[in-house]
Amino acid sequence: MGTLYKTIVLLGFALLTIGLGYLLVENIFRAKTKLHEVVTNLVVVIAILVMLQFGTNLFSQFAMAGA
């Protein structure tokens, strides 16, 4: 399960990086495409999922240290 978790997190970071890069290039060249809203929503969802995983991990480590 540990390798599966790491793979999912790395995949999430890769998708987040690709999505942010696409948004950056799109904003630089001002080429508004129909995919703009879809990619924006996708980046937000992936960022939330990645941050929730790390936040949960950090909170559990903090709780274990406190116990």
PDB file of N, CA and C in Angstrom:
ATOM      1  N   MET A   1       0.818  -1.203   0.000  1.00  0.00           N
ATOM      2  CA  MET A   1       0.000   0.000   0.000  1.00  0.00           C
ATOM      3  C   MET A   1       0.856   1.259   0.000  1.00  0.00           C
ATOM      4  N   GLY A   2       2.026   1.191   0.598  1.00  0.00           N
ATOM      5  CA  GLY A   2       2.893   2.360   0.649  1.00  0.00           C
ATOM      6  C   GLY A   2       3.348   2.797  -0.731  1.00  0.00           C
ATOM      7  N   THR A   3       3.707   1.821  -1.578  1.00  0.00           N
ATOM      8  CA  THR A   3       4.144   2.175  -2.926  1.00  0.00           C
ATOM      9  C   THR A   3       2.979   2.699  -3.754  1.00  0.00           C
ATOM     10  N   LEU A   4       1.788   2.171  -3.550  1.00  0.00           N
ATOM     11  CA  LEU A   4       0.611   2.671  -4.256  1.00  0.00           C
ATOM     12  C   LEU A   4       0.320   4.116  -3.851  1.00  0.00           C
ATOM     13  N   TYR A   5       0.412   4.409  -2.567  1.00  0.00           N
ATOM     14  CA  TYR A   5       0.187   5.763  -2.066  1.00  0.00           C
ATOM     15  C   TYR A   5       1.202   6.731  -2.667  1.00  0.00           C
ATOM     16  N   LYS A   6       2.483   6.337  -2.664  1.00  0.00           N
ATOM     17  CA  LYS A   6       3.524   7.200  -3.226  1.00  0.00           C
ATOM     18  C   LYS A   6       3.318   7.414  -4.717  1.00  0.00           C
ATOM     19  N   THR A   7       2.888   6.362  -5.430  1.00  0.00           N
ATOM     20  CA  THR A   7       2.642   6.481  -6.856  1.00  0.00           C
ATOM     21  C   THR A   7       1.499   7.451  -7.137  1.00  0.00           C
ATOM     22  N   ILE A   8       0.431   7.373  -6.348  1.00  0.00           N
ATOM     23  CA  ILE A   8      -0.707   8.269  -6.534  1.00  0.00           C
ATOM     24  C   ILE A   8      -0.309   9.708  -6.243  1.00  0.00           C
ATOM     25  N   VAL A   9       0.465   9.921  -5.200  1.00  0.00           N
ATOM     26  CA  VAL A   9       0.913  11.279  -4.866  1.00  0.00           C
ATOM     27  C   VAL A   9       1.824  11.826  -5.961  1.00  0.00           C
ATOM     28  N   LEU A  10       2.764  11.022  -6.447  1.00  0.00           N
ATOM     29  CA  LEU A  10       3.651  11.476  -7.526  1.00  0.00           C
ATOM     30  C   LEU A  10       2.867  11.756  -8.801  1.00  0.00           C
ATOM     31  N   LEU A  11       1.885  10.934  -9.106  1.00  0.00           N
ATOM     32  CA  LEU A  11       1.041  11.171 -10.273  1.00  0.00           C
ATOM     33  C   LEU A  11       0.255  12.470 -10.106  1.00  0.00           C
ATOM     34  N   GLY A  12      -0.244  12.714  -8.901  1.00  0.00           N
ATOM     35  CA  GLY A  12      -0.957  13.958  -8.627  1.00  0.00           C
ATOM     36  C   GLY A  12      -0.062  15.171  -8.805  1.00  0.00           C
ATOM     37  N   PHE A  13       1.178  15.105  -8.302  1.00  0.00           N
ATOM     38  CA  PHE A  13       2.116  16.209  -8.477  1.00  0.00           C
ATOM     39  C   PHE A  13       2.458  16.420  -9.951  1.00  0.00           C
ATOM     40  N   ALA A  14       2.619  15.324 -10.697  1.00  0.00           N
ATOM     41  CA  ALA A  14       2.924  15.448 -12.123  1.00  0.00           C
ATOM     42  C   ALA A  14       1.775  16.120 -12.861  1.00  0.00           C
ATOM     43  N   LEU A  15       0.550  15.691 -12.591  1.00  0.00           N
ATOM     44  CA  LEU A  15      -0.612  16.312 -13.234  1.00  0.00           C
ATOM     45  C   LEU A  15      -0.770  17.765 -12.815  1.00  0.00           C
ATOM     46  N   LEU A  16      -0.501  18.053 -11.558  1.00  0.00           N
ATOM     47  CA  LEU A  16      -0.589  19.426 -11.080  1.00  0.00           C
ATOM     48  C   LEU A  16       0.447  20.311 -11.783  1.00  0.00           C
ATOM     49  N   THR A  17       1.663  19.808 -11.931  1.00  0.00           N
ATOM     50  CA  THR A  17       2.713  20.566 -12.604  1.00  0.00           C
ATOM     51  C   THR A  17       2.363  20.812 -14.071  1.00  0.00           C
ATOM     52  N   ILE A  18       1.864  19.787 -14.736  1.00  0.00           N
ATOM     53  CA  ILE A  18       1.478  19.935 -16.134  1.00  0.00           C
ATOM     54  C   ILE A  18       0.332  20.939 -16.270  1.00  0.00           C
ATOM     55  N   GLY A  19      -0.655  20.836 -15.395  1.00  0.00           N
ATOM     56  CA  GLY A  19      -1.785  21.760 -15.445  1.00  0.00           C
ATOM     57  C   GLY A  19      -1.386  23.192 -15.174  1.00  0.00           C
ATOM     58  N   LEU A  20      -0.521  23.391 -14.182  1.00  0.00           N
ATOM     59  CA  LEU A  20      -0.052  24.747 -13.884  1.00  0.00           C
ATOM     60  C   LEU A  20       0.792  25.310 -15.020  1.00  0.00           C
ATOM     61  N   GLY A  21       1.595  24.461 -15.627  1.00  0.00           N
ATOM     62  CA  GLY A  21       2.386  24.902 -16.776  1.00  0.00           C
ATOM     63  C   GLY A  21       1.499  25.312 -17.938  1.00  0.00           C
ATOM     64  N   TYR A  22       0.459  24.543 -18.186  1.00  0.00           N
ATOM     65  CA  TYR A  22      -0.486  24.878 -19.258  1.00  0.00           C
ATOM     66  C   TYR A  22      -1.170  26.206 -18.974  1.00  0.00           C
ATOM     67  N   LEU A  23      -1.612  26.393 -17.733  1.00  0.00           N
ATOM     68  CA  LEU A  23      -2.265  27.659 -17.389  1.00  0.00           C
ATOM     69  C   LEU A  23      -1.303  28.835 -17.520  1.00  0.00           C
ATOM     70  N   LEU A  24      -0.051  28.640 -17.139  1.00  0.00           N
ATOM     71  CA  LEU A  24       0.946  29.700 -17.252  1.00  0.00           C
ATOM     72  C   LEU A  24       1.168  30.085 -18.710  1.00  0.00           C
ATOM     73  N   VAL A  25       1.359  29.094 -19.570  1.00  0.00           N
ATOM     74  CA  VAL A  25       1.572  29.366 -20.996  1.00  0.00           C
ATOM     75  C   VAL A  25       0.332  30.027 -21.589  1.00  0.00           C
ATOM     76  N   GLU A  26      -0.835  29.552 -21.214  1.00  0.00           N
ATOM     77  CA  GLU A  26      -2.066  30.129 -21.743  1.00  0.00           C
ATOM     78  C   GLU A  26      -2.229  31.581 -21.309  1.00  0.00           C
ATOM     79  N   ASN A  27      -1.890  31.881 -20.075  1.00  0.00           N
ATOM     80  CA  ASN A  27      -2.015  33.255 -19.598  1.00  0.00           C
ATOM     81  C   ASN A  27      -0.965  34.180 -20.216  1.00  0.00           C
ATOM     82  N   ILE A  28       0.206  33.664 -20.521  1.00  0.00           N
ATOM     83  CA  ILE A  28       1.248  34.479 -21.149  1.00  0.00           C
ATOM     84  C   ILE A  28       0.823  34.870 -22.567  1.00  0.00           C
ATOM     85  N   PHE A  29       0.324  33.919 -23.322  1.00  0.00           N
ATOM     86  CA  PHE A  29      -0.016  34.177 -24.718  1.00  0.00           C
ATOM     87  C   PHE A  29      -1.465  34.629 -24.907  1.00  0.00           C
ATOM     88  N   ARG A  30      -2.251  34.638 -23.848  1.00  0.00           N
ATOM     89  CA  ARG A  30      -3.644  35.078 -23.895  1.00  0.00           C
ATOM     90  C   ARG A  30      -4.465  34.332 -24.946  1.00  0.00           C
ATOM     91  N   ALA A  31      -4.129  33.098 -25.164  1.00  0.00           N
ATOM     92  CA  ALA A  31      -4.884  32.294 -26.118  1.00  0.00           C
ATOM     93  C   ALA A  31      -5.963  31.541 -25.344  1.00  0.00           C
ATOM     94  N   LYS A  32      -7.106  32.152 -25.228  1.00  0.00           N
ATOM     95  CA  LYS A  32      -8.191  31.524 -24.489  1.00  0.00           C
ATOM     96  C   LYS A  32      -8.797  30.389 -25.308  1.00  0.00           C
ATOM     97  N   THR A  33      -8.729  29.216 -24.759  1.00  0.00           N
ATOM     98  CA  THR A  33      -9.299  28.061 -25.429  1.00  0.00           C
ATOM     99  C   THR A  33     -10.528  27.605 -24.674  1.00  0.00           C
ATOM    100  N   LYS A  34     -11.239  26.680 -25.253  1.00  0.00           N
ATOM    101  CA  LYS A  34     -12.423  26.138 -24.590  1.00  0.00           C
ATOM    102  C   LYS A  34     -12.040  25.272 -23.395  1.00  0.00           C
ATOM    103  N   LEU A  35     -10.800  24.802 -23.379  1.00  0.00           N
ATOM    104  CA  LEU A  35     -10.344  23.939 -22.285  1.00  0.00           C
ATOM    105  C   LEU A  35      -9.922  24.734 -21.052  1.00  0.00           C
ATOM    106  N   HIS A  36      -9.918  26.059 -21.134  1.00  0.00           N
ATOM    107  CA  HIS A  36      -9.411  26.877 -20.040  1.00  0.00           C
ATOM    108  C   HIS A  36     -10.140  26.593 -18.727  1.00  0.00           C
ATOM    109  N   GLU A  37     -11.451  26.600 -18.744  1.00  0.00           N
ATOM    110  CA  GLU A  37     -12.205  26.370 -17.509  1.00  0.00           C
ATOM    111  C   GLU A  37     -12.033  24.942 -17.014  1.00  0.00           C
ATOM    112  N   VAL A  38     -11.974  24.000 -17.928  1.00  0.00           N
ATOM    113  CA  VAL A  38     -11.809  22.596 -17.546  1.00  0.00           C
ATOM    114  C   VAL A  38     -10.459  22.390 -16.883  1.00  0.00           C
ATOM    115  N   VAL A  39      -9.407  22.943 -17.484  1.00  0.00           N
ATOM    116  CA  VAL A  39      -8.063  22.773 -16.932  1.00  0.00           C
ATOM    117  C   VAL A  39      -7.949  23.491 -15.585  1.00  0.00           C
ATOM    118  N   THR A  40      -8.555  24.666 -15.461  1.00  0.00           N
ATOM    119  CA  THR A  40      -8.520  25.390 -14.188  1.00  0.00           C
ATOM    120  C   THR A  40      -9.171  24.572 -13.087  1.00  0.00           C
ATOM    121  N   ASN A  41     -10.337  24.029 -13.361  1.00  0.00           N
ATOM    122  CA  ASN A  41     -11.022  23.199 -12.364  1.00  0.00           C
ATOM    123  C   ASN A  41     -10.235  21.941 -12.048  1.00  0.00           C
ATOM    124  N   LEU A  42      -9.626  21.346 -13.056  1.00  0.00           N
ATOM    125  CA  LEU A  42      -8.828  20.138 -12.850  1.00  0.00           C
ATOM    126  C   LEU A  42      -7.624  20.425 -11.962  1.00  0.00           C
ATOM    127  N   VAL A  43      -6.957  21.552 -12.192  1.00  0.00           N
ATOM    128  CA  VAL A  43      -5.798  21.919 -11.371  1.00  0.00           C
ATOM    129  C   VAL A  43      -6.227  22.147  -9.928  1.00  0.00           C
ATOM    130  N   VAL A  44      -7.357  22.788  -9.727  1.00  0.00           N
ATOM    131  CA  VAL A  44      -7.838  23.035  -8.360  1.00  0.00           C
ATOM    132  C   VAL A  44      -8.141  21.724  -7.657  1.00  0.00           C
ATOM    133  N   VAL A  45      -8.807  20.810  -8.332  1.00  0.00           N
ATOM    134  CA  VAL A  45      -9.158  19.520  -7.718  1.00  0.00           C
ATOM    135  C   VAL A  45      -7.907  18.717  -7.394  1.00  0.00           C
ATOM    136  N   ILE A  46      -6.950  18.665  -8.318  1.00  0.00           N
ATOM    137  CA  ILE A  46      -5.720  17.912  -8.067  1.00  0.00           C
ATOM    138  C   ILE A  46      -4.929  18.540  -6.925  1.00  0.00           C
ATOM    139  N   ALA A  47      -4.864  19.871  -6.891  1.00  0.00           N
ATOM    140  CA  ALA A  47      -4.144  20.541  -5.803  1.00  0.00           C
ATOM    141  C   ALA A  47      -4.786  20.235  -4.459  1.00  0.00           C
ATOM    142  N   ILE A  48      -6.105  20.246  -4.403  1.00  0.00           N
ATOM    143  CA  ILE A  48      -6.798  19.945  -3.146  1.00  0.00           C
ATOM    144  C   ILE A  48      -6.526  18.511  -2.721  1.00  0.00           C
ATOM    145  N   LEU A  49      -6.590  17.579  -3.661  1.00  0.00           N
ATOM    146  CA  LEU A  49      -6.349  16.176  -3.315  1.00  0.00           C
ATOM    147  C   LEU A  49      -4.927  15.955  -2.806  1.00  0.00           C
ATOM    148  N   VAL A  50      -3.950  16.580  -3.456  1.00  0.00           N
ATOM    149  CA  VAL A  50      -2.560  16.417  -3.035  1.00  0.00           C
ATOM    150  C   VAL A  50      -2.348  17.056  -1.670  1.00  0.00           C
ATOM    151  N   MET A  51      -2.885  18.264  -1.469  1.00  0.00           N
ATOM    152  CA  MET A  51      -2.695  18.948  -0.194  1.00  0.00           C
ATOM    153  C   MET A  51      -3.425  18.235   0.941  1.00  0.00           C
ATOM    154  N   LEU A  52      -4.578  17.650   0.667  1.00  0.00           N
ATOM    155  CA  LEU A  52      -5.281  16.905   1.708  1.00  0.00           C
ATOM    156  C   LEU A  52      -4.494  15.681   2.146  1.00  0.00           C
ATOM    157  N   GLN A  53      -3.861  15.009   1.192  1.00  0.00           N
ATOM    158  CA  GLN A  53      -3.058  13.838   1.544  1.00  0.00           C
ATOM    159  C   GLN A  53      -1.890  14.235   2.428  1.00  0.00           C
ATOM    160  N   PHE A  54      -1.186  15.297   2.061  1.00  0.00           N
ATOM    161  CA  PHE A  54      -0.059  15.733   2.875  1.00  0.00           C
ATOM    162  C   PHE A  54      -0.521  16.302   4.210  1.00  0.00           C
ATOM    163  N   GLY A  55      -1.627  17.021   4.213  1.00  0.00           N
ATOM    164  CA  GLY A  55      -2.148  17.573   5.458  1.00  0.00           C
ATOM    165  C   GLY A  55      -2.564  16.476   6.419  1.00  0.00           C
ATOM    166  N   THR A  56      -3.209  15.451   5.903  1.00  0.00           N
ATOM    167  CA  THR A  56      -3.612  14.320   6.747  1.00  0.00           C
ATOM    168  C   THR A  56      -2.384  13.615   7.304  1.00  0.00           C
ATOM    169  N   ASN A  57      -1.370  13.439   6.474  1.00  0.00           N
ATOM    170  CA  ASN A  57      -0.138  12.781   6.913  1.00  0.00           C
ATOM    171  C   ASN A  57       0.558  13.600   7.999  1.00  0.00           C
ATOM    172  N   LEU A  58       0.661  14.904   7.793  1.00  0.00           N
ATOM    173  CA  LEU A  58       1.307  15.755   8.794  1.00  0.00           C
ATOM    174  C   LEU A  58       0.521  15.795  10.098  1.00  0.00           C
ATOM    175  N   PHE A  59      -0.805  15.843  10.004  1.00  0.00           N
ATOM    176  CA  PHE A  59      -1.643  15.861  11.205  1.00  0.00           C
ATOM    177  C   PHE A  59      -1.507  14.558  11.978  1.00  0.00           C
ATOM    178  N   SER A  60      -1.465  13.432  11.260  1.00  0.00           N
ATOM    179  CA  SER A  60      -1.331  12.152  11.963  1.00  0.00           C
ATOM    180  C   SER A  60       0.040  12.050  12.639  1.00  0.00           C
ATOM    181  N   GLN A  61       1.097  12.562  11.983  1.00  0.00           N
ATOM    182  CA  GLN A  61       2.420  12.556  12.607  1.00  0.00           C
ATOM    183  C   GLN A  61       2.434  13.442  13.842  1.00  0.00           C
ATOM    184  N   PHE A  62       1.777  14.590  13.775  1.00  0.00           N
ATOM    185  CA  PHE A  62       1.695  15.507  14.917  1.00  0.00           C
ATOM    186  C   PHE A  62       0.927  14.866  16.070  1.00  0.00           C
ATOM    187  N   ALA A  63      -0.164  14.183  15.759  1.00  0.00           N
ATOM    188  CA  ALA A  63      -0.962  13.520  16.801  1.00  0.00           C
ATOM    189  C   ALA A  63      -0.185  12.374  17.432  1.00  0.00           C
ATOM    190  N   MET A  64       0.568  11.630  16.611  1.00  0.00           N
ATOM    191  CA  MET A  64       1.363  10.525  17.154  1.00  0.00           C
ATOM    192  C   MET A  64       2.473  11.060  18.055  1.00  0.00           C
ATOM    193  N   ALA A  65       3.088  12.175  17.675  1.00  0.00           N
ATOM    194  CA  ALA A  65       4.149  12.764  18.492  1.00  0.00           C
ATOM    195  C   ALA A  65       3.567  13.283  19.805  1.00  0.00           C
ATOM    196  N   GLY A  66       2.371  13.819  19.754  1.00  0.00           N
ATOM    197  CA  GLY A  66       1.733  14.328  20.967  1.00  0.00           C
ATOM    198  C   GLY A  66       1.309  13.217  21.913  1.00  0.00           C
ATOM    199  N   ALA A  67       0.964  12.075  21.346  1.00  0.00           N
ATOM    200  CA  ALA A  67       0.555  10.953  22.187  1.00  0.00           C
ATOM    201  C   ALA A  67       1.773  10.355  22.844  1.00  0.00           C
TER     202      ALA A  67
END
